[in-house]
C-alpha cells in the first residue's frame, strides 16, 4: 500500500485531534512516525523517500506534530489527562472489550441512529457494540462474548489505539 499525500494529511489531522502523544505506522514498507513530544524518537529514519509527513503548517495547525525525519521540533501537547475519560477501577469479574484497530470510535451506526449499546444492555457475542473508522473504512466491532455492558470508556468520536479498552462487560 502506498501512502499518498492526502492519506498522510488525514492521518495527521486525526492524530492532532487525538490525545495520542506518538504514532508509528508501518504499511508495506512505508513508515510514518508522528510525535507531539519534543525531540521525537530515534530509529524510524530509514523510511523510503516520499513517506515523511509534510511540514506542519501545510498539513495542520502550527502546534501539530511533525515526522521525526523532517527535523522539526513539535510543540508539546496540552495535558491529556485533563481531557481523558474518567478512569475506572477494573473489576476482576469484568471482561475488557478492546479496540482491534487504531481509528475513530463511534457508538452509532450513523449520526441519526441510536447507539449500538448503552450501559446496562445485554449483548450477544456476535452483536456489534461500536464502529471503528480507519480512513473512512468503517469496521463493526462485536462484543466478543455474551454479557451486560457495565462501562463505556471511550468517547464518541475519540481516536482510540489498538488494544485500548473501549467497554467493560459482565460476562454471562
N, C-alpha and C. Protein backbone atom coordinates (compact mmCIF):
# COMPACT_ATOMS: atom_id res chain seq x y z
N UNK A 1 0.85 -1.19 0.00
CA UNK A 1 0.00 0.00 0.00
C UNK A 1 0.89 1.23 0.00
N UNK A 2 0.60 2.15 -0.88
CA UNK A 2 1.37 3.38 -0.96
C UNK A 2 0.61 4.51 -0.25
N UNK A 3 1.30 5.25 0.58
CA UNK A 3 0.70 6.40 1.25
C UNK A 3 0.76 7.60 0.33
N UNK A 4 -0.40 8.19 0.05
CA UNK A 4 -0.47 9.40 -0.74
C UNK A 4 -0.46 10.60 0.19
N UNK A 5 -0.19 11.76 -0.33
CA UNK A 5 -0.13 12.98 0.47
C UNK A 5 -1.44 13.23 1.21
N UNK A 6 -2.59 13.00 0.54
CA UNK A 6 -3.87 13.23 1.21
C UNK A 6 -4.12 12.18 2.31
N UNK A 7 -3.60 10.95 2.14
CA UNK A 7 -3.69 9.94 3.21
C UNK A 7 -2.92 10.41 4.44
N UNK A 8 -1.72 10.91 4.20
CA UNK A 8 -0.87 11.39 5.30
C UNK A 8 -1.53 12.58 5.98
N UNK A 9 -2.11 13.47 5.20
CA UNK A 9 -2.79 14.64 5.77
C UNK A 9 -3.94 14.21 6.68
N UNK A 10 -4.71 13.21 6.27
CA UNK A 10 -5.82 12.72 7.08
C UNK A 10 -5.31 12.06 8.35
N UNK A 11 -4.24 11.27 8.25
CA UNK A 11 -3.64 10.65 9.43
C UNK A 11 -3.17 11.71 10.41
N UNK A 12 -2.50 12.74 9.92
CA UNK A 12 -2.00 13.81 10.78
C UNK A 12 -3.17 14.57 11.42
N UNK A 13 -4.24 14.81 10.66
CA UNK A 13 -5.40 15.51 11.22
C UNK A 13 -6.01 14.70 12.37
N UNK A 14 -6.21 13.41 12.15
CA UNK A 14 -6.78 12.56 13.20
C UNK A 14 -5.85 12.52 14.40
N UNK A 15 -4.55 12.39 14.16
CA UNK A 15 -3.56 12.37 15.23
C UNK A 15 -3.60 13.66 16.04
N UNK A 16 -3.65 14.80 15.36
CA UNK A 16 -3.66 16.09 16.05
C UNK A 16 -4.92 16.29 16.88
N UNK A 17 -6.03 15.74 16.44
CA UNK A 17 -7.29 15.86 17.17
C UNK A 17 -7.40 14.85 18.31
N UNK A 18 -6.44 13.97 18.42
CA UNK A 18 -6.50 12.91 19.43
C UNK A 18 -5.68 13.28 20.66
N UNK A 19 -5.76 12.42 21.66
CA UNK A 19 -4.95 12.57 22.86
C UNK A 19 -3.66 11.75 22.76
N UNK A 20 -3.47 11.07 21.63
CA UNK A 20 -2.26 10.30 21.44
C UNK A 20 -1.05 11.23 21.45
N UNK A 21 0.05 10.74 21.98
CA UNK A 21 1.28 11.51 22.00
C UNK A 21 2.25 11.06 20.92
N UNK A 22 2.08 9.84 20.43
CA UNK A 22 3.00 9.26 19.48
C UNK A 22 2.26 8.29 18.58
N UNK A 23 2.64 8.23 17.31
CA UNK A 23 2.02 7.31 16.37
C UNK A 23 3.09 6.79 15.43
N UNK A 24 3.14 5.48 15.28
CA UNK A 24 4.06 4.84 14.33
C UNK A 24 3.25 3.97 13.40
N UNK A 25 3.41 4.17 12.12
CA UNK A 25 2.73 3.34 11.12
C UNK A 25 3.77 2.70 10.23
N UNK A 26 3.59 1.42 9.96
CA UNK A 26 4.44 0.70 9.04
C UNK A 26 3.51 -0.04 8.10
N UNK A 27 3.30 0.51 6.91
CA UNK A 27 2.35 -0.05 5.95
C UNK A 27 3.11 -0.52 4.71
N UNK A 28 3.39 -1.79 4.64
CA UNK A 28 4.05 -2.35 3.47
C UNK A 28 5.38 -1.69 3.15
N UNK A 29 6.16 -1.42 4.15
CA UNK A 29 7.47 -0.80 3.92
C UNK A 29 7.44 0.72 4.01
N UNK A 30 6.27 1.31 3.97
CA UNK A 30 6.15 2.75 4.17
C UNK A 30 6.04 3.02 5.65
N UNK A 31 6.87 3.91 6.16
CA UNK A 31 6.85 4.20 7.58
C UNK A 31 6.55 5.66 7.82
N UNK A 32 5.74 5.89 8.83
CA UNK A 32 5.37 7.25 9.22
C UNK A 32 5.44 7.31 10.74
N UNK A 33 6.15 8.30 11.24
CA UNK A 33 6.26 8.49 12.68
C UNK A 33 5.81 9.91 13.01
N UNK A 34 4.85 10.04 13.95
CA UNK A 34 4.38 11.34 14.40
C UNK A 34 4.53 11.41 15.91
N UNK A 35 4.93 12.56 16.41
CA UNK A 35 5.09 12.72 17.86
C UNK A 35 4.70 14.13 18.24
N UNK A 36 4.03 14.26 19.38
CA UNK A 36 3.69 15.57 19.93
C UNK A 36 4.70 15.96 21.00
N UNK A 37 5.71 15.14 21.18
CA UNK A 37 6.70 15.41 22.21
C UNK A 37 7.98 15.92 21.57
N UNK A 38 8.61 16.88 22.20
CA UNK A 38 9.83 17.48 21.67
C UNK A 38 10.90 16.41 21.49
N UNK A 39 11.55 16.44 20.36
CA UNK A 39 12.65 15.53 20.11
C UNK A 39 12.28 14.24 19.41
N UNK A 40 11.06 13.75 19.61
CA UNK A 40 10.65 12.52 18.97
C UNK A 40 11.46 11.33 19.44
N UNK A 41 11.45 10.26 18.63
CA UNK A 41 12.15 9.04 18.96
C UNK A 41 13.02 8.64 17.79
N UNK A 42 14.26 8.28 18.07
CA UNK A 42 15.16 7.84 17.00
C UNK A 42 14.80 6.44 16.57
N UNK A 43 15.27 6.03 15.41
CA UNK A 43 15.09 4.66 14.98
C UNK A 43 14.10 4.47 13.86
N UNK A 44 13.37 5.49 13.49
CA UNK A 44 12.42 5.38 12.39
C UNK A 44 12.83 6.30 11.25
N UNK A 45 14.11 6.34 10.98
CA UNK A 45 14.59 7.28 9.97
C UNK A 45 14.95 6.59 8.66
N UNK A 46 14.63 5.32 8.51
CA UNK A 46 15.02 4.60 7.31
C UNK A 46 13.85 4.37 6.35
N UNK A 47 12.84 5.20 6.42
CA UNK A 47 11.67 5.04 5.56
C UNK A 47 11.99 5.42 4.12
N UNK A 48 11.31 4.80 3.15
CA UNK A 48 11.50 5.16 1.75
C UNK A 48 11.17 6.64 1.52
N UNK A 49 11.76 7.20 0.51
CA UNK A 49 11.53 8.60 0.18
C UNK A 49 10.06 8.84 -0.10
N UNK A 50 9.58 10.03 0.25
CA UNK A 50 8.21 10.40 -0.03
C UNK A 50 7.22 9.97 1.02
N UNK A 51 7.67 9.35 2.11
CA UNK A 51 6.75 8.86 3.11
C UNK A 51 6.61 9.82 4.27
N UNK A 52 7.60 10.63 4.53
CA UNK A 52 7.54 11.55 5.67
C UNK A 52 6.42 12.56 5.48
N UNK A 53 5.82 12.97 6.57
CA UNK A 53 4.75 13.96 6.53
C UNK A 53 5.30 15.30 6.10
N UNK A 54 4.46 16.08 5.45
CA UNK A 54 4.86 17.42 5.05
C UNK A 54 5.01 18.28 6.30
N UNK A 55 5.70 19.41 6.21
CA UNK A 55 5.84 20.28 7.37
C UNK A 55 4.49 20.65 7.96
N UNK A 56 4.45 20.81 9.26
CA UNK A 56 3.20 21.03 9.98
C UNK A 56 2.34 22.16 9.44
N UNK A 57 2.87 23.33 9.06
CA UNK A 57 1.98 24.40 8.60
C UNK A 57 1.17 24.04 7.36
N UNK A 58 1.66 23.14 6.53
CA UNK A 58 0.94 22.76 5.32
C UNK A 58 -0.23 21.84 5.64
N UNK A 59 -0.02 20.94 6.63
CA UNK A 59 -1.00 19.89 6.87
C UNK A 59 -1.88 20.13 8.07
N UNK A 60 -1.47 20.93 9.02
CA UNK A 60 -2.21 21.07 10.26
C UNK A 60 -1.79 22.36 10.94
N UNK A 61 -2.46 22.72 12.03
CA UNK A 61 -2.08 23.92 12.76
C UNK A 61 -0.63 23.86 13.22
N UNK A 62 0.02 25.01 13.51
CA UNK A 62 1.42 25.03 13.89
C UNK A 62 1.75 24.15 15.09
N UNK A 63 0.81 23.86 15.95
CA UNK A 63 1.09 23.02 17.11
C UNK A 63 1.14 21.55 16.74
N UNK A 64 0.95 21.25 15.47
CA UNK A 64 0.90 19.86 15.03
C UNK A 64 2.23 19.16 15.18
N UNK A 65 2.13 17.85 15.27
CA UNK A 65 3.33 17.04 15.32
C UNK A 65 3.91 16.94 13.92
N UNK A 66 5.20 16.68 13.85
CA UNK A 66 5.87 16.52 12.58
C UNK A 66 6.62 15.21 12.58
N UNK A 67 6.91 14.72 11.42
CA UNK A 67 7.68 13.48 11.34
C UNK A 67 9.07 13.71 11.89
N UNK A 68 9.62 12.71 12.54
CA UNK A 68 10.96 12.85 13.11
C UNK A 68 11.99 13.06 12.02
N UNK A 69 11.66 12.69 10.79
CA UNK A 69 12.63 12.86 9.71
C UNK A 69 12.63 14.28 9.15
N UNK A 70 11.66 15.11 9.49
CA UNK A 70 11.64 16.47 8.97
C UNK A 70 12.58 17.37 9.74
N UNK A 71 12.97 16.93 10.93
CA UNK A 71 13.86 17.75 11.75
C UNK A 71 13.12 18.81 12.53
N UNK A 72 11.81 18.90 12.39
CA UNK A 72 11.04 19.91 13.11
C UNK A 72 10.89 19.51 14.56
N UNK A 73 10.79 20.48 15.42
CA UNK A 73 10.55 20.20 16.84
C UNK A 73 9.12 20.54 17.13
N UNK A 74 8.27 19.52 17.34
CA UNK A 74 6.85 19.79 17.59
C UNK A 74 6.63 20.42 18.95
N UNK A 75 5.51 21.12 19.06
CA UNK A 75 5.11 21.73 20.32
C UNK A 75 4.49 20.65 21.19
N UNK A 76 4.88 20.56 22.47
CA UNK A 76 4.26 19.55 23.32
C UNK A 76 2.76 19.75 23.41
N UNK A 77 2.02 18.65 23.50
CA UNK A 77 0.57 18.69 23.58
C UNK A 77 0.13 19.14 24.96
N UNK A 78 -1.07 19.74 25.05
CA UNK A 78 -1.59 20.09 26.36
C UNK A 78 -1.79 18.84 27.19
N UNK A 79 -1.95 19.00 28.47
CA UNK A 79 -2.09 17.88 29.38
C UNK A 79 -3.31 17.05 28.97
N UNK A 80 -3.05 15.83 28.49
CA UNK A 80 -4.12 14.95 28.01
C UNK A 80 -5.00 14.47 29.16
N UNK A 81 -4.45 14.42 30.36
CA UNK A 81 -5.24 13.94 31.50
C UNK A 81 -6.44 14.82 31.77
N UNK A 82 -6.36 16.09 31.45
CA UNK A 82 -7.48 17.00 31.68
C UNK A 82 -8.66 16.68 30.78
N UNK A 83 -8.40 16.02 29.64
CA UNK A 83 -9.47 15.73 28.68
C UNK A 83 -9.82 14.25 28.62
N UNK A 84 -9.15 13.43 29.39
CA UNK A 84 -9.35 11.99 29.34
C UNK A 84 -10.68 11.60 29.98
N UNK A 85 -11.20 10.46 29.53
CA UNK A 85 -12.42 9.92 30.14
C UNK A 85 -12.10 9.53 31.57
N UNK A 86 -13.06 9.59 32.45
CA UNK A 86 -12.80 9.24 33.83
C UNK A 86 -12.26 7.81 33.94
N UNK A 87 -11.23 7.66 34.73
CA UNK A 87 -10.64 6.34 34.91
C UNK A 87 -11.55 5.51 35.80
N UNK A 88 -11.55 4.23 35.56
CA UNK A 88 -12.36 3.36 36.39
C UNK A 88 -11.46 2.28 36.97
N UNK A 89 -11.89 1.74 38.05
CA UNK A 89 -11.14 0.68 38.69
C UNK A 89 -11.58 -0.64 38.08
N UNK A 90 -10.63 -1.40 37.49
CA UNK A 90 -11.02 -2.66 36.87
C UNK A 90 -11.55 -3.65 37.91
N UNK A 91 -12.61 -4.34 37.57
CA UNK A 91 -13.20 -5.37 38.42
C UNK A 91 -12.76 -6.70 37.82
N UNK A 92 -12.25 -7.58 38.66
CA UNK A 92 -11.73 -8.85 38.16
C UNK A 92 -12.81 -9.71 37.52
N UNK A 93 -14.07 -9.44 37.78
CA UNK A 93 -15.16 -10.21 37.18
C UNK A 93 -15.56 -9.67 35.81
N UNK A 94 -15.07 -8.50 35.46
CA UNK A 94 -15.45 -7.88 34.19
C UNK A 94 -14.48 -8.26 33.08
N UNK A 95 -14.99 -8.22 31.84
CA UNK A 95 -14.19 -8.52 30.66
C UNK A 95 -14.00 -7.22 29.89
N UNK A 96 -12.75 -6.92 29.55
CA UNK A 96 -12.46 -5.72 28.77
C UNK A 96 -12.70 -5.98 27.29
N UNK A 97 -13.42 -5.09 26.64
CA UNK A 97 -13.59 -5.12 25.19
C UNK A 97 -12.61 -4.09 24.65
N UNK A 98 -11.60 -4.55 23.93
CA UNK A 98 -10.56 -3.65 23.44
C UNK A 98 -10.71 -3.37 21.95
N UNK A 99 -10.13 -2.28 21.53
CA UNK A 99 -10.18 -1.90 20.12
C UNK A 99 -9.28 -2.80 19.30
N UNK A 100 -9.80 -3.37 18.21
CA UNK A 100 -8.97 -4.21 17.35
C UNK A 100 -8.11 -3.39 16.39
N UNK A 101 -8.38 -2.09 16.32
CA UNK A 101 -7.71 -1.21 15.35
C UNK A 101 -7.40 0.15 15.96
N UNK A 102 -6.50 0.87 15.34
CA UNK A 102 -6.29 2.28 15.62
C UNK A 102 -7.27 3.02 14.72
N UNK A 103 -8.12 3.84 15.29
CA UNK A 103 -9.09 4.58 14.48
C UNK A 103 -10.01 5.39 15.36
N UNK A 104 -11.06 5.91 14.76
CA UNK A 104 -12.02 6.75 15.47
C UNK A 104 -13.19 5.88 15.93
N UNK A 105 -13.50 5.97 17.23
CA UNK A 105 -14.55 5.18 17.87
C UNK A 105 -15.89 5.88 17.69
N UNK A 106 -16.89 5.13 17.21
CA UNK A 106 -18.25 5.66 17.10
C UNK A 106 -19.21 4.69 17.78
N UNK A 107 -20.11 5.23 18.57
CA UNK A 107 -21.11 4.42 19.27
C UNK A 107 -22.33 4.14 18.41
N UNK A 108 -22.51 4.87 17.31
CA UNK A 108 -23.71 4.77 16.48
C UNK A 108 -23.35 4.32 15.07
N UNK A 109 -24.26 3.62 14.40
CA UNK A 109 -24.00 3.24 13.01
C UNK A 109 -24.00 4.44 12.07
N UNK A 110 -24.72 5.51 12.44
CA UNK A 110 -24.71 6.77 11.71
C UNK A 110 -25.21 7.85 12.67
N UNK A 111 -24.95 9.12 12.37
CA UNK A 111 -25.31 10.19 13.31
C UNK A 111 -26.80 10.27 13.66
N UNK A 112 -27.66 9.80 12.75
CA UNK A 112 -29.10 9.89 13.00
C UNK A 112 -29.69 8.62 13.62
N UNK A 113 -28.85 7.67 13.97
CA UNK A 113 -29.30 6.39 14.55
C UNK A 113 -28.93 6.34 16.03
N UNK A 114 -29.66 5.52 16.79
CA UNK A 114 -29.31 5.36 18.22
C UNK A 114 -28.00 4.58 18.38
N UNK A 115 -27.41 4.69 19.57
CA UNK A 115 -26.18 3.98 19.88
C UNK A 115 -26.40 2.47 19.79
N UNK A 116 -25.35 1.75 19.42
CA UNK A 116 -25.44 0.29 19.37
C UNK A 116 -25.83 -0.26 20.73
N UNK A 117 -25.15 0.22 21.79
CA UNK A 117 -25.43 -0.25 23.15
C UNK A 117 -25.33 0.90 24.14
N UNK A 118 -25.99 0.72 25.26
CA UNK A 118 -25.91 1.64 26.39
C UNK A 118 -25.50 0.82 27.61
N UNK A 119 -25.03 1.49 28.64
CA UNK A 119 -24.70 0.80 29.88
C UNK A 119 -25.96 0.10 30.38
N UNK A 120 -25.81 -1.16 30.75
CA UNK A 120 -26.94 -1.96 31.22
C UNK A 120 -27.51 -2.90 30.18
N UNK A 121 -27.21 -2.66 28.89
CA UNK A 121 -27.73 -3.54 27.83
C UNK A 121 -27.07 -4.91 27.88
N UNK A 122 -27.87 -5.93 27.58
CA UNK A 122 -27.36 -7.29 27.41
C UNK A 122 -26.94 -7.43 25.95
N UNK A 123 -25.81 -8.08 25.70
CA UNK A 123 -25.31 -8.27 24.34
C UNK A 123 -24.95 -9.74 24.12
N UNK A 124 -25.00 -10.15 22.85
CA UNK A 124 -24.53 -11.47 22.47
C UNK A 124 -23.10 -11.34 21.96
N UNK A 125 -22.41 -12.45 21.82
CA UNK A 125 -21.02 -12.42 21.38
C UNK A 125 -20.85 -11.79 20.00
N UNK A 126 -21.79 -12.03 19.10
CA UNK A 126 -21.68 -11.54 17.72
C UNK A 126 -22.30 -10.16 17.50
N UNK A 127 -22.92 -9.62 18.50
CA UNK A 127 -23.62 -8.34 18.38
C UNK A 127 -22.63 -7.18 18.28
N UNK A 128 -22.78 -6.30 17.26
CA UNK A 128 -21.89 -5.13 17.17
C UNK A 128 -22.19 -4.14 18.30
N UNK A 129 -21.13 -3.61 18.90
CA UNK A 129 -21.28 -2.67 20.00
C UNK A 129 -20.75 -1.28 19.66
N UNK A 130 -19.99 -1.19 18.56
CA UNK A 130 -19.45 0.11 18.12
C UNK A 130 -18.87 -0.05 16.72
N UNK A 131 -18.36 1.06 16.20
CA UNK A 131 -17.68 1.07 14.90
C UNK A 131 -16.34 1.76 15.10
N UNK A 132 -15.31 1.25 14.42
CA UNK A 132 -14.01 1.91 14.38
C UNK A 132 -13.80 2.36 12.94
N UNK A 133 -13.54 3.65 12.76
CA UNK A 133 -13.31 4.24 11.44
C UNK A 133 -11.82 4.43 11.22
N UNK A 134 -11.31 3.77 10.18
CA UNK A 134 -9.92 3.95 9.79
C UNK A 134 -9.94 4.47 8.36
N UNK A 135 -9.68 5.76 8.22
CA UNK A 135 -9.65 6.41 6.91
C UNK A 135 -10.89 6.11 6.07
N UNK A 136 -12.05 6.28 6.68
CA UNK A 136 -13.37 6.12 6.06
C UNK A 136 -13.70 4.67 5.73
N UNK A 137 -12.99 3.73 6.34
CA UNK A 137 -13.35 2.31 6.26
C UNK A 137 -13.89 1.96 7.64
N UNK A 138 -15.19 1.70 7.71
CA UNK A 138 -15.88 1.50 8.97
C UNK A 138 -15.96 0.01 9.29
N UNK A 139 -15.45 -0.36 10.47
CA UNK A 139 -15.48 -1.77 10.90
C UNK A 139 -16.33 -1.91 12.14
N UNK A 140 -17.36 -2.76 12.06
CA UNK A 140 -18.18 -3.03 13.24
C UNK A 140 -17.38 -3.92 14.19
N UNK A 141 -17.47 -3.60 15.47
CA UNK A 141 -16.76 -4.37 16.49
C UNK A 141 -17.79 -5.17 17.29
N UNK A 142 -17.70 -6.51 17.25
CA UNK A 142 -18.64 -7.32 18.02
C UNK A 142 -18.24 -7.36 19.50
N UNK A 143 -19.18 -7.70 20.35
CA UNK A 143 -18.92 -7.78 21.78
C UNK A 143 -17.88 -8.84 22.11
N UNK A 144 -17.84 -9.91 21.35
CA UNK A 144 -16.86 -10.95 21.58
C UNK A 144 -17.31 -12.03 22.55
N UNK A 145 -18.24 -11.69 23.42
CA UNK A 145 -18.84 -12.66 24.33
C UNK A 145 -20.14 -12.09 24.86
N UNK A 146 -21.01 -12.96 25.29
CA UNK A 146 -22.29 -12.53 25.82
C UNK A 146 -22.10 -11.91 27.20
N UNK A 147 -22.90 -10.90 27.49
CA UNK A 147 -22.81 -10.27 28.79
C UNK A 147 -23.61 -8.99 28.85
N UNK A 148 -23.41 -8.26 29.95
CA UNK A 148 -24.07 -6.99 30.17
C UNK A 148 -23.03 -5.88 30.13
N UNK A 149 -23.32 -4.80 29.39
CA UNK A 149 -22.41 -3.66 29.29
C UNK A 149 -22.43 -2.93 30.64
N UNK A 150 -21.25 -2.84 31.27
CA UNK A 150 -21.13 -2.21 32.58
C UNK A 150 -20.55 -0.80 32.46
N UNK A 151 -19.60 -0.62 31.55
CA UNK A 151 -18.96 0.69 31.36
C UNK A 151 -18.68 0.91 29.88
N UNK A 152 -18.80 2.15 29.45
CA UNK A 152 -18.36 2.56 28.12
C UNK A 152 -17.29 3.61 28.37
N UNK A 153 -16.04 3.26 28.09
CA UNK A 153 -14.91 4.11 28.46
C UNK A 153 -14.50 5.09 27.37
N UNK A 154 -14.68 4.74 26.11
CA UNK A 154 -14.29 5.62 25.01
C UNK A 154 -15.41 6.62 24.72
N UNK A 155 -15.02 7.81 24.33
CA UNK A 155 -15.96 8.86 23.97
C UNK A 155 -16.29 8.77 22.48
N UNK A 156 -17.52 9.05 22.13
CA UNK A 156 -17.94 9.03 20.73
C UNK A 156 -17.08 10.02 19.94
N UNK A 157 -16.50 9.57 18.84
CA UNK A 157 -15.66 10.43 18.01
C UNK A 157 -14.21 10.50 18.45
N UNK A 158 -13.84 9.76 19.48
CA UNK A 158 -12.47 9.77 20.02
C UNK A 158 -11.57 8.84 19.22
N UNK A 159 -10.33 9.26 18.98
CA UNK A 159 -9.34 8.39 18.37
C UNK A 159 -8.89 7.39 19.42
N UNK A 160 -8.98 6.12 19.09
CA UNK A 160 -8.58 5.06 20.02
C UNK A 160 -7.43 4.27 19.42
N UNK A 161 -6.63 3.72 20.31
CA UNK A 161 -5.48 2.92 19.90
C UNK A 161 -5.83 1.45 19.86
N UNK A 162 -5.06 0.69 19.11
CA UNK A 162 -5.20 -0.76 19.11
C UNK A 162 -4.97 -1.26 20.53
N UNK A 163 -5.89 -2.07 21.04
CA UNK A 163 -5.75 -2.62 22.38
C UNK A 163 -6.32 -1.76 23.49
N UNK A 164 -6.76 -0.54 23.18
CA UNK A 164 -7.34 0.34 24.19
C UNK A 164 -8.70 -0.22 24.63
N UNK A 165 -8.96 -0.17 25.93
CA UNK A 165 -10.24 -0.67 26.45
C UNK A 165 -11.35 0.31 26.07
N UNK A 166 -12.35 -0.21 25.37
CA UNK A 166 -13.49 0.60 24.92
C UNK A 166 -14.67 0.47 25.87
N UNK A 167 -14.90 -0.75 26.31
CA UNK A 167 -16.05 -1.06 27.17
C UNK A 167 -15.66 -2.19 28.11
N UNK A 168 -16.46 -2.31 29.17
CA UNK A 168 -16.30 -3.45 30.07
C UNK A 168 -17.64 -4.18 30.14
N UNK A 169 -17.55 -5.51 30.08
CA UNK A 169 -18.74 -6.35 30.10
C UNK A 169 -18.71 -7.26 31.33
N UNK A 170 -19.90 -7.50 31.86
CA UNK A 170 -20.05 -8.51 32.89
C UNK A 170 -20.49 -9.77 32.14
N UNK A 171 -19.63 -10.79 32.07
CA UNK A 171 -19.96 -11.97 31.24
C UNK A 171 -21.15 -12.75 31.79
N UNK A 172 -21.83 -13.42 30.89
CA UNK A 172 -22.99 -14.28 31.24
C UNK A 172 -22.61 -15.71 30.98
